[in-house]
Amino acid sequence: MIRKTLIAAATAALATVSVNAAMPTAKLGMAKARAIALKAAPGRVQKAEYEKEGGGWRYSFDIRQGNRIHEIGVDGHTGKIVEDKFEALGDKD
């Protein structure tokens, strides 16, 4: 039983390293991307992540504005806004 647990843990660790190794470094830092997003959609950042979507890497910010969430995507290399949409509070992606 212990051997199976160790094998499972080792496999999970290797898979995590492979996924993280595939994530490229952005030319734009999280702080700069956040400033760009907040300029486009003032409010309070509820969630921030660096993700691969639509064939490219970008920062995604969920910004609370009153009773809605404004989702802003910022390209990790150019700083351009690549997504700008609204969601009601409680909506799931």
PDB file of N, CA and C in Angstrom:
ATOM      1  N   MET A   1       0.823  -1.199   0.000  1.00  0.00           N
ATOM      2  CA  MET A   1       0.000   0.000   0.000  1.00  0.00           C
ATOM      3  C   MET A   1       0.867   1.263   0.000  1.00  0.00           C
ATOM      4  N   ILE A   2       1.920   1.242   0.821  1.00  0.00           N
ATOM      5  CA  ILE A   2       2.809   2.398   0.884  1.00  0.00           C
ATOM      6  C   ILE A   2       3.503   2.602  -0.461  1.00  0.00           C
ATOM      7  N   ARG A   3       3.903   1.506  -1.088  1.00  0.00           N
ATOM      8  CA  ARG A   3       4.576   1.600  -2.383  1.00  0.00           C
ATOM      9  C   ARG A   3       3.660   2.247  -3.422  1.00  0.00           C
ATOM     10  N   LYS A   4       2.384   1.857  -3.449  1.00  0.00           N
ATOM     11  CA  LYS A   4       1.430   2.443  -4.402  1.00  0.00           C
ATOM     12  C   LYS A   4       1.270   3.933  -4.147  1.00  0.00           C
ATOM     13  N   THR A   5       1.229   4.313  -2.879  1.00  0.00           N
ATOM     14  CA  THR A   5       1.090   5.723  -2.521  1.00  0.00           C
ATOM     15  C   THR A   5       2.309   6.513  -2.992  1.00  0.00           C
ATOM     16  N   LEU A   6       3.504   5.960  -2.774  1.00  0.00           N
ATOM     17  CA  LEU A   6       4.725   6.639  -3.208  1.00  0.00           C
ATOM     18  C   LEU A   6       4.788   6.772  -4.723  1.00  0.00           C
ATOM     19  N   ILE A   7       4.392   5.733  -5.429  1.00  0.00           N
ATOM     20  CA  ILE A   7       4.383   5.790  -6.895  1.00  0.00           C
ATOM     21  C   ILE A   7       3.394   6.846  -7.379  1.00  0.00           C
ATOM     22  N   ALA A   8       2.226   6.894  -6.770  1.00  0.00           N
ATOM     23  CA  ALA A   8       1.220   7.892  -7.153  1.00  0.00           C
ATOM     24  C   ALA A   8       1.724   9.300  -6.875  1.00  0.00           C
ATOM     25  N   ALA A   9       2.375   9.498  -5.734  1.00  0.00           N
ATOM     26  CA  ALA A   9       2.903  10.819  -5.384  1.00  0.00           C
ATOM     27  C   ALA A   9       4.008  11.237  -6.349  1.00  0.00           C
ATOM     28  N   ALA A  10       4.887  10.308  -6.696  1.00  0.00           N
ATOM     29  CA  ALA A  10       5.972  10.613  -7.630  1.00  0.00           C
ATOM     30  C   ALA A  10       5.427  10.951  -9.012  1.00  0.00           C
ATOM     31  N   THR A  11       4.426  10.218  -9.453  1.00  0.00           N
ATOM     32  CA  THR A  11       3.806  10.476 -10.757  1.00  0.00           C
ATOM     33  C   THR A  11       3.161  11.859 -10.774  1.00  0.00           C
ATOM     34  N   ALA A  12       2.449  12.194  -9.708  1.00  0.00           N
ATOM     35  CA  ALA A  12       1.803  13.508  -9.622  1.00  0.00           C
ATOM     36  C   ALA A  12       2.843  14.624  -9.626  1.00  0.00           C
ATOM     37  N   ALA A  13       3.941  14.431  -8.917  1.00  0.00           N
ATOM     38  CA  ALA A  13       4.996  15.446  -8.870  1.00  0.00           C
ATOM     39  C   ALA A  13       5.610  15.657 -10.249  1.00  0.00           C
ATOM     40  N   LEU A  14       5.875  14.582 -10.963  1.00  0.00           N
ATOM     41  CA  LEU A  14       6.436  14.703 -12.309  1.00  0.00           C
ATOM     42  C   LEU A  14       5.464  15.382 -13.262  1.00  0.00           C
ATOM     43  N   ALA A  15       4.191  15.086 -13.151  1.00  0.00           N
ATOM     44  CA  ALA A  15       3.182  15.716 -14.004  1.00  0.00           C
ATOM     45  C   ALA A  15       3.125  17.208 -13.729  1.00  0.00           C
ATOM     46  N   THR A  16       3.231  17.609 -12.471  1.00  0.00           N
ATOM     47  CA  THR A  16       3.205  19.019 -12.104  1.00  0.00           C
ATOM     48  C   THR A  16       4.406  19.744 -12.694  1.00  0.00           C
ATOM     49  N   VAL A  17       5.568  19.142 -12.618  1.00  0.00           N
ATOM     50  CA  VAL A  17       6.766  19.752 -13.184  1.00  0.00           C
ATOM     51  C   VAL A  17       6.616  19.916 -14.690  1.00  0.00           C
ATOM     52  N   SER A  18       6.064  18.942 -15.371  1.00  0.00           N
ATOM     53  CA  SER A  18       5.883  19.020 -16.819  1.00  0.00           C
ATOM     54  C   SER A  18       4.943  20.151 -17.200  1.00  0.00           C
ATOM     55  N   VAL A  19       3.852  20.305 -16.462  1.00  0.00           N
ATOM     56  CA  VAL A  19       2.895  21.370 -16.754  1.00  0.00           C
ATOM     57  C   VAL A  19       3.540  22.724 -16.524  1.00  0.00           C
ATOM     58  N   ASN A  20       4.234  22.907 -15.403  1.00  0.00           N
ATOM     59  CA  ASN A  20       4.859  24.187 -15.106  1.00  0.00           C
ATOM     60  C   ASN A  20       5.981  24.512 -16.076  1.00  0.00           C
ATOM     61  N   ALA A  21       6.696  23.503 -16.551  1.00  0.00           N
ATOM     62  CA  ALA A  21       7.773  23.739 -17.500  1.00  0.00           C
ATOM     63  C   ALA A  21       7.225  24.240 -18.838  1.00  0.00           C
ATOM     64  N   ALA A  22       5.998  23.875 -19.170  1.00  0.00           N
ATOM     65  CA  ALA A  22       5.399  24.277 -20.436  1.00  0.00           C
ATOM     66  C   ALA A  22       4.887  25.713 -20.405  1.00  0.00           C
ATOM     67  N   MET A  23       4.744  26.309 -19.219  1.00  0.00           N
ATOM     68  CA  MET A  23       4.224  27.663 -19.095  1.00  0.00           C
ATOM     69  C   MET A  23       5.334  28.662 -19.424  1.00  0.00           C
ATOM     70  N   PRO A  24       5.183  29.436 -20.489  1.00  0.00           N
ATOM     71  CA  PRO A  24       6.225  30.397 -20.854  1.00  0.00           C
ATOM     72  C   PRO A  24       6.218  31.604 -19.920  1.00  0.00           C
ATOM     73  N   THR A  25       7.335  32.268 -19.843  1.00  0.00           N
ATOM     74  CA  THR A  25       7.432  33.484 -19.051  1.00  0.00           C
ATOM     75  C   THR A  25       6.845  34.633 -19.865  1.00  0.00           C
ATOM     76  N   ALA A  26       5.986  35.401 -19.239  1.00  0.00           N
ATOM     77  CA  ALA A  26       5.369  36.538 -19.921  1.00  0.00           C
ATOM     78  C   ALA A  26       6.357  37.700 -19.989  1.00  0.00           C
ATOM     79  N   LYS A  27       6.270  38.486 -21.042  1.00  0.00           N
ATOM     80  CA  LYS A  27       7.089  39.691 -21.150  1.00  0.00           C
ATOM     81  C   LYS A  27       6.558  40.759 -20.202  1.00  0.00           C
ATOM     82  N   LEU A  28       5.280  40.669 -19.916  1.00  0.00           N
ATOM     83  CA  LEU A  28       4.584  41.626 -19.067  1.00  0.00           C
ATOM     84  C   LEU A  28       4.368  40.989 -17.699  1.00  0.00           C
ATOM     85  N   GLY A  29       4.683  41.677 -16.634  1.00  0.00           N
ATOM     86  CA  GLY A  29       4.475  41.138 -15.295  1.00  0.00           C
ATOM     87  C   GLY A  29       3.023  41.251 -14.851  1.00  0.00           C
ATOM     88  N   MET A  30       2.692  40.495 -13.803  1.00  0.00           N
ATOM     89  CA  MET A  30       1.330  40.500 -13.260  1.00  0.00           C
ATOM     90  C   MET A  30       0.923  41.905 -12.810  1.00  0.00           C
ATOM     91  N   ALA A  31       1.826  42.638 -12.157  1.00  0.00           N
ATOM     92  CA  ALA A  31       1.484  43.972 -11.651  1.00  0.00           C
ATOM     93  C   ALA A  31       1.127  44.930 -12.789  1.00  0.00           C
ATOM     94  N   LYS A  32       1.895  44.904 -13.870  1.00  0.00           N
ATOM     95  CA  LYS A  32       1.616  45.782 -15.014  1.00  0.00           C
ATOM     96  C   LYS A  32       0.306  45.383 -15.689  1.00  0.00           C
ATOM     97  N   ALA A  33       0.095  44.071 -15.856  1.00  0.00           N
ATOM     98  CA  ALA A  33      -1.151  43.592 -16.466  1.00  0.00           C
ATOM     99  C   ALA A  33      -2.351  43.989 -15.611  1.00  0.00           C
ATOM    100  N   ARG A  34      -2.202  43.909 -14.303  1.00  0.00           N
ATOM    101  CA  ARG A  34      -3.278  44.296 -13.374  1.00  0.00           C
ATOM    102  C   ARG A  34      -3.601  45.784 -13.529  1.00  0.00           C
ATOM    103  N   ALA A  35      -2.572  46.611 -13.638  1.00  0.00           N
ATOM    104  CA  ALA A  35      -2.788  48.053 -13.814  1.00  0.00           C
ATOM    105  C   ALA A  35      -3.531  48.337 -15.117  1.00  0.00           C
ATOM    106  N   ILE A  36      -3.184  47.624 -16.176  1.00  0.00           N
ATOM    107  CA  ILE A  36      -3.870  47.787 -17.465  1.00  0.00           C
ATOM    108  C   ILE A  36      -5.337  47.392 -17.327  1.00  0.00           C
ATOM    109  N   ALA A  37      -5.588  46.262 -16.657  1.00  0.00           N
ATOM    110  CA  ALA A  37      -6.964  45.785 -16.477  1.00  0.00           C
ATOM    111  C   ALA A  37      -7.785  46.765 -15.645  1.00  0.00           C
ATOM    112  N   LEU A  38      -7.205  47.281 -14.565  1.00  0.00           N
ATOM    113  CA  LEU A  38      -7.942  48.208 -13.700  1.00  0.00           C
ATOM    114  C   LEU A  38      -8.174  49.563 -14.367  1.00  0.00           C
ATOM    115  N   LYS A  39      -7.307  49.948 -15.280  1.00  0.00           N
ATOM    116  CA  LYS A  39      -7.541  51.184 -16.033  1.00  0.00           C
ATOM    117  C   LYS A  39      -8.753  51.008 -16.949  1.00  0.00           C
ATOM    118  N   ALA A  40      -8.878  49.826 -17.548  1.00  0.00           N
ATOM    119  CA  ALA A  40     -10.007  49.539 -18.441  1.00  0.00           C
ATOM    120  C   ALA A  40     -11.296  49.293 -17.672  1.00  0.00           C
ATOM    121  N   ALA A  41     -11.174  48.740 -16.466  1.00  0.00           N
ATOM    122  CA  ALA A  41     -12.355  48.370 -15.674  1.00  0.00           C
ATOM    123  C   ALA A  41     -12.073  48.627 -14.195  1.00  0.00           C
ATOM    124  N   PRO A  42     -12.259  49.863 -13.739  1.00  0.00           N
ATOM    125  CA  PRO A  42     -11.999  50.168 -12.332  1.00  0.00           C
ATOM    126  C   PRO A  42     -12.875  49.320 -11.407  1.00  0.00           C
ATOM    127  N   GLY A  43     -12.306  48.892 -10.313  1.00  0.00           N
ATOM    128  CA  GLY A  43     -13.032  48.077  -9.341  1.00  0.00           C
ATOM    129  C   GLY A  43     -12.058  47.331  -8.455  1.00  0.00           C
ATOM    130  N   ARG A  44     -12.522  46.222  -7.874  1.00  0.00           N
ATOM    131  CA  ARG A  44     -11.694  45.413  -6.980  1.00  0.00           C
ATOM    132  C   ARG A  44     -11.437  44.052  -7.620  1.00  0.00           C
ATOM    133  N   VAL A  45     -10.175  43.693  -7.774  1.00  0.00           N
ATOM    134  CA  VAL A  45      -9.823  42.407  -8.385  1.00  0.00           C
ATOM    135  C   VAL A  45     -10.212  41.278  -7.438  1.00  0.00           C
ATOM    136  N   GLN A  46     -11.062  40.372  -7.929  1.00  0.00           N
ATOM    137  CA  GLN A  46     -11.510  39.219  -7.158  1.00  0.00           C
ATOM    138  C   GLN A  46     -10.659  37.990  -7.456  1.00  0.00           C
ATOM    139  N   LYS A  47     -10.158  37.916  -8.686  1.00  0.00           N
ATOM    140  CA  LYS A  47      -9.386  36.749  -9.118  1.00  0.00           C
ATOM    141  C   LYS A  47      -8.417  37.194 -10.201  1.00  0.00           C
ATOM    142  N   ALA A  48      -7.188  36.679 -10.133  1.00  0.00           N
ATOM    143  CA  ALA A  48      -6.180  36.985 -11.147  1.00  0.00           C
ATOM    144  C   ALA A  48      -5.411  35.712 -11.452  1.00  0.00           C
ATOM    145  N   GLU A  49      -5.207  35.451 -12.740  1.00  0.00           N
ATOM    146  CA  GLU A  49      -4.453  34.257 -13.116  1.00  0.00           C
ATOM    147  C   GLU A  49      -3.764  34.458 -14.454  1.00  0.00           C
ATOM    148  N   TYR A  50      -2.730  33.654 -14.667  1.00  0.00           N
ATOM    149  CA  TYR A  50      -2.014  33.604 -15.942  1.00  0.00           C
ATOM    150  C   TYR A  50      -2.398  32.278 -16.566  1.00  0.00           C
ATOM    151  N   GLU A  51      -3.011  32.319 -17.739  1.00  0.00           N
ATOM    152  CA  GLU A  51      -3.582  31.102 -18.312  1.00  0.00           C
ATOM    153  C   GLU A  51      -3.397  31.058 -19.824  1.00  0.00           C
ATOM    154  N   LYS A  52      -3.502  29.843 -20.338  1.00  0.00           N
ATOM    155  CA  LYS A  52      -3.482  29.665 -21.791  1.00  0.00           C
ATOM    156  C   LYS A  52      -4.926  29.579 -22.255  1.00  0.00           C
ATOM    157  N   GLU A  53      -5.277  30.476 -23.138  1.00  0.00           N
ATOM    158  CA  GLU A  53      -6.642  30.483 -23.669  1.00  0.00           C
ATOM    159  C   GLU A  53      -6.607  31.049 -25.080  1.00  0.00           C
ATOM    160  N   GLY A  54      -7.377  30.439 -25.955  1.00  0.00           N
ATOM    161  CA  GLY A  54      -7.461  30.922 -27.331  1.00  0.00           C
ATOM    162  C   GLY A  54      -6.143  30.823 -28.084  1.00  0.00           C
ATOM    163  N   GLY A  55      -5.315  29.854 -27.727  1.00  0.00           N
ATOM    164  CA  GLY A  55      -4.062  29.658 -28.436  1.00  0.00           C
ATOM    165  C   GLY A  55      -2.907  30.505 -27.941  1.00  0.00           C
ATOM    166  N   GLY A  56      -3.134  31.329 -26.923  1.00  0.00           N
ATOM    167  CA  GLY A  56      -2.053  32.164 -26.402  1.00  0.00           C
ATOM    168  C   GLY A  56      -2.134  32.305 -24.893  1.00  0.00           C
ATOM    169  N   TRP A  57      -1.071  32.828 -24.300  1.00  0.00           N
ATOM    170  CA  TRP A  57      -1.015  33.030 -22.855  1.00  0.00           C
ATOM    171  C   TRP A  57      -1.443  34.449 -22.520  1.00  0.00           C
ATOM    172  N   ARG A  58      -2.218  34.566 -21.452  1.00  0.00           N
ATOM    173  CA  ARG A  58      -2.718  35.875 -21.049  1.00  0.00           C
ATOM    174  C   ARG A  58      -3.004  35.902 -19.558  1.00  0.00           C
ATOM    175  N   TYR A  59      -3.134  37.108 -19.063  1.00  0.00           N
ATOM    176  CA  TYR A  59      -3.587  37.314 -17.693  1.00  0.00           C
ATOM    177  C   TYR A  59      -5.091  37.502 -17.753  1.00  0.00           C
ATOM    178  N   SER A  60      -5.774  36.937 -16.792  1.00  0.00           N
ATOM    179  CA  SER A  60      -7.223  37.084 -16.715  1.00  0.00           C
ATOM    180  C   SER A  60      -7.571  37.652 -15.344  1.00  0.00           C
ATOM    181  N   PHE A  61      -8.378  38.699 -15.327  1.00  0.00           N
ATOM    182  CA  PHE A  61      -8.773  39.357 -14.087  1.00  0.00           C
ATOM    183  C   PHE A  61     -10.287  39.410 -13.990  1.00  0.00           C
ATOM    184  N   ASP A  62     -10.817  38.974 -12.866  1.00  0.00           N
ATOM    185  CA  ASP A  62     -12.231  39.153 -12.553  1.00  0.00           C
ATOM    186  C   ASP A  62     -12.299  40.341 -11.610  1.00  0.00           C
ATOM    187  N   ILE A  63     -12.919  41.425 -12.072  1.00  0.00           N
ATOM    188  CA  ILE A  63     -12.961  42.674 -11.324  1.00  0.00           C
ATOM    189  C   ILE A  63     -14.397  42.951 -10.904  1.00  0.00           C
ATOM    190  N   ARG A  64     -14.598  43.081  -9.612  1.00  0.00           N
ATOM    191  CA  ARG A  64     -15.950  43.347  -9.111  1.00  0.00           C
ATOM    192  C   ARG A  64     -16.273  44.827  -9.264  1.00  0.00           C
ATOM    193  N   GLN A  65     -17.435  45.058  -9.881  1.00  0.00           N
ATOM    194  CA  GLN A  65     -17.967  46.406 -10.056  1.00  0.00           C
ATOM    195  C   GLN A  65     -19.426  46.366  -9.618  1.00  0.00           C
ATOM    196  N   GLY A  66     -19.683  46.702  -8.381  1.00  0.00           N
ATOM    197  CA  GLY A  66     -21.056  46.662  -7.879  1.00  0.00           C
ATOM    198  C   GLY A  66     -21.607  45.256  -7.873  1.00  0.00           C
ATOM    199  N   ASN A  67     -22.695  45.029  -8.619  1.00  0.00           N
ATOM    200  CA  ASN A  67     -23.361  43.724  -8.657  1.00  0.00           C
ATOM    201  C   ASN A  67     -22.953  42.875  -9.856  1.00  0.00           C
ATOM    202  N   ARG A  68     -21.801  43.162 -10.425  1.00  0.00           N
ATOM    203  CA  ARG A  68     -21.355  42.365 -11.569  1.00  0.00           C
ATOM    204  C   ARG A  68     -19.838  42.164 -11.513  1.00  0.00           C
ATOM    205  N   ILE A  69     -19.395  41.214 -12.310  1.00  0.00           N
ATOM    206  CA  ILE A  69     -17.971  40.936 -12.473  1.00  0.00           C
ATOM    207  C   ILE A  69     -17.586  41.333 -13.898  1.00  0.00           C
ATOM    208  N   HIS A  70     -16.552  42.134 -14.007  1.00  0.00           N
ATOM    209  CA  HIS A  70     -16.031  42.549 -15.307  1.00  0.00           C
ATOM    210  C   HIS A  70     -14.780  41.711 -15.536  1.00  0.00           C
ATOM    211  N   GLU A  71     -14.810  40.845 -16.540  1.00  0.00           N
ATOM    212  CA  GLU A  71     -13.656  39.997 -16.833  1.00  0.00           C
ATOM    213  C   GLU A  71     -12.817  40.650 -17.923  1.00  0.00           C
ATOM    214  N   ILE A  72     -11.562  40.888 -17.590  1.00  0.00           N
ATOM    215  CA  ILE A  72     -10.624  41.515 -18.515  1.00  0.00           C
ATOM    216  C   ILE A  72      -9.463  40.553 -18.752  1.00  0.00           C
ATOM    217  N   GLY A  73      -9.155  40.300 -20.018  1.00  0.00           N
ATOM    218  CA  GLY A  73      -7.996  39.495 -20.388  1.00  0.00           C
ATOM    219  C   GLY A  73      -6.937  40.394 -20.990  1.00  0.00           C
ATOM    220  N   VAL A  74      -5.702  40.262 -20.510  1.00  0.00           N
ATOM    221  CA  VAL A  74      -4.587  41.079 -20.990  1.00  0.00           C
ATOM    222  C   VAL A  74      -3.520  40.151 -21.566  1.00  0.00           C
ATOM    223  N   ASP A  75      -3.151  40.368 -22.824  1.00  0.00           N
ATOM    224  CA  ASP A  75      -2.118  39.555 -23.469  1.00  0.00           C
ATOM    225  C   ASP A  75      -0.812  39.671 -22.686  1.00  0.00           C
ATOM    226  N   GLY A  76      -0.210  38.539 -22.361  1.00  0.00           N
ATOM    227  CA  GLY A  76       1.001  38.507 -21.554  1.00  0.00           C
ATOM    228  C   GLY A  76       2.245  39.035 -22.241  1.00  0.00           C
ATOM    229  N   HIS A  77       2.185  39.212 -23.550  1.00  0.00           N
ATOM    230  CA  HIS A  77       3.353  39.700 -24.288  1.00  0.00           C
ATOM    231  C   HIS A  77       3.182  41.133 -24.769  1.00  0.00           C
ATOM    232  N   THR A  78       1.972  41.494 -25.194  1.00  0.00           N
ATOM    233  CA  THR A  78       1.768  42.827 -25.775  1.00  0.00           C
ATOM    234  C   THR A  78       1.108  43.816 -24.825  1.00  0.00           C
ATOM    235  N   GLY A  79       0.387  43.323 -23.819  1.00  0.00           N
ATOM    236  CA  GLY A  79      -0.339  44.205 -22.916  1.00  0.00           C
ATOM    237  C   GLY A  79      -1.679  44.661 -23.469  1.00  0.00           C
ATOM    238  N   LYS A  80      -2.049  44.152 -24.635  1.00  0.00           N
ATOM    239  CA  LYS A  80      -3.338  44.519 -25.224  1.00  0.00           C
ATOM    240  C   LYS A  80      -4.467  43.760 -24.537  1.00  0.00           C
ATOM    241  N   ILE A  81      -5.625  44.401 -24.461  1.00  0.00           N
ATOM    242  CA  ILE A  81      -6.807  43.751 -23.895  1.00  0.00           C
ATOM    243  C   ILE A  81      -7.377  42.808 -24.945  1.00  0.00           C
ATOM    244  N   VAL A  82      -7.479  41.532 -24.573  1.00  0.00           N
ATOM    245  CA  VAL A  82      -7.954  40.512 -25.511  1.00  0.00           C
ATOM    246  C   VAL A  82      -9.321  39.960 -25.113  1.00  0.00           C
ATOM    247  N   GLU A  83      -9.810  40.365 -23.941  1.00  0.00           N
ATOM    248  CA  GLU A  83     -11.161  39.974 -23.522  1.00  0.00           C
ATOM    249  C   GLU A  83     -11.725  41.078 -22.651  1.00  0.00           C
ATOM    250  N   ASP A  84     -13.004  41.351 -22.835  1.00  0.00           N
ATOM    251  CA  ASP A  84     -13.688  42.396 -22.078  1.00  0.00           C
ATOM    252  C   ASP A  84     -15.162  42.017 -22.036  1.00  0.00           C
ATOM    253  N   LYS A  85     -15.580  41.386 -20.937  1.00  0.00           N
ATOM    254  CA  LYS A  85     -16.978  40.956 -20.847  1.00  0.00           C
ATOM    255  C   LYS A  85     -17.475  41.065 -19.411  1.00  0.00           C
ATOM    256  N   PHE A  86     -18.786  41.013 -19.269  1.00  0.00           N
ATOM    257  CA  PHE A  86     -19.423  41.122 -17.962  1.00  0.00           C
ATOM    258  C   PHE A  86     -20.096  39.813 -17.581  1.00  0.00           C
ATOM    259  N   GLU A  87     -20.134  39.553 -16.270  1.00  0.00           N
ATOM    260  CA  GLU A  87     -20.850  38.407 -15.716  1.00  0.00           C
ATOM    261  C   GLU A  87     -21.609  38.896 -14.490  1.00  0.00           C
ATOM    262  N   ALA A  88     -22.741  38.281 -14.227  1.00  0.00           N
ATOM    263  CA  ALA A  88     -23.460  38.574 -12.992  1.00  0.00           C
ATOM    264  C   ALA A  88     -22.720  37.912 -11.839  1.00  0.00           C
ATOM    265  N   LEU A  89     -22.859  38.455 -10.637  1.00  0.00           N
ATOM    266  CA  LEU A  89     -22.246  37.817  -9.471  1.00  0.00           C
ATOM    267  C   LEU A  89     -22.760  36.395  -9.345  1.00  0.00           C
ATOM    268  N   GLY A  90     -21.858  35.473  -9.058  1.00  0.00           N
ATOM    269  CA  GLY A  90     -22.253  34.078  -8.888  1.00  0.00           C
ATOM    270  C   GLY A  90     -22.210  33.254 -10.153  1.00  0.00           C
ATOM    271  N   ASP A  91     -22.063  33.878 -11.337  1.00  0.00           N
ATOM    272  CA  ASP A  91     -21.938  33.106 -12.585  1.00  0.00           C
ATOM    273  C   ASP A  91     -20.632  32.338 -12.565  1.00  0.00           C
ATOM    274  N   LYS A  92     -20.647  31.134 -13.110  1.00  0.00           N
ATOM    275  CA  LYS A  92     -19.443  30.309 -13.222  1.00  0.00           C
ATOM    276  C   LYS A  92     -19.015  30.268 -14.672  1.00  0.00           C
ATOM    277  N   ASP A  93     -17.687  30.219 -14.911  1.00  0.00           N
ATOM    278  CA  ASP A  93     -17.164  30.106 -16.281  1.00  0.00           C
ATOM    279  C   ASP A  93     -17.446  28.755 -16.846  1.00  0.00           C
TER     280      ASP A  93
END
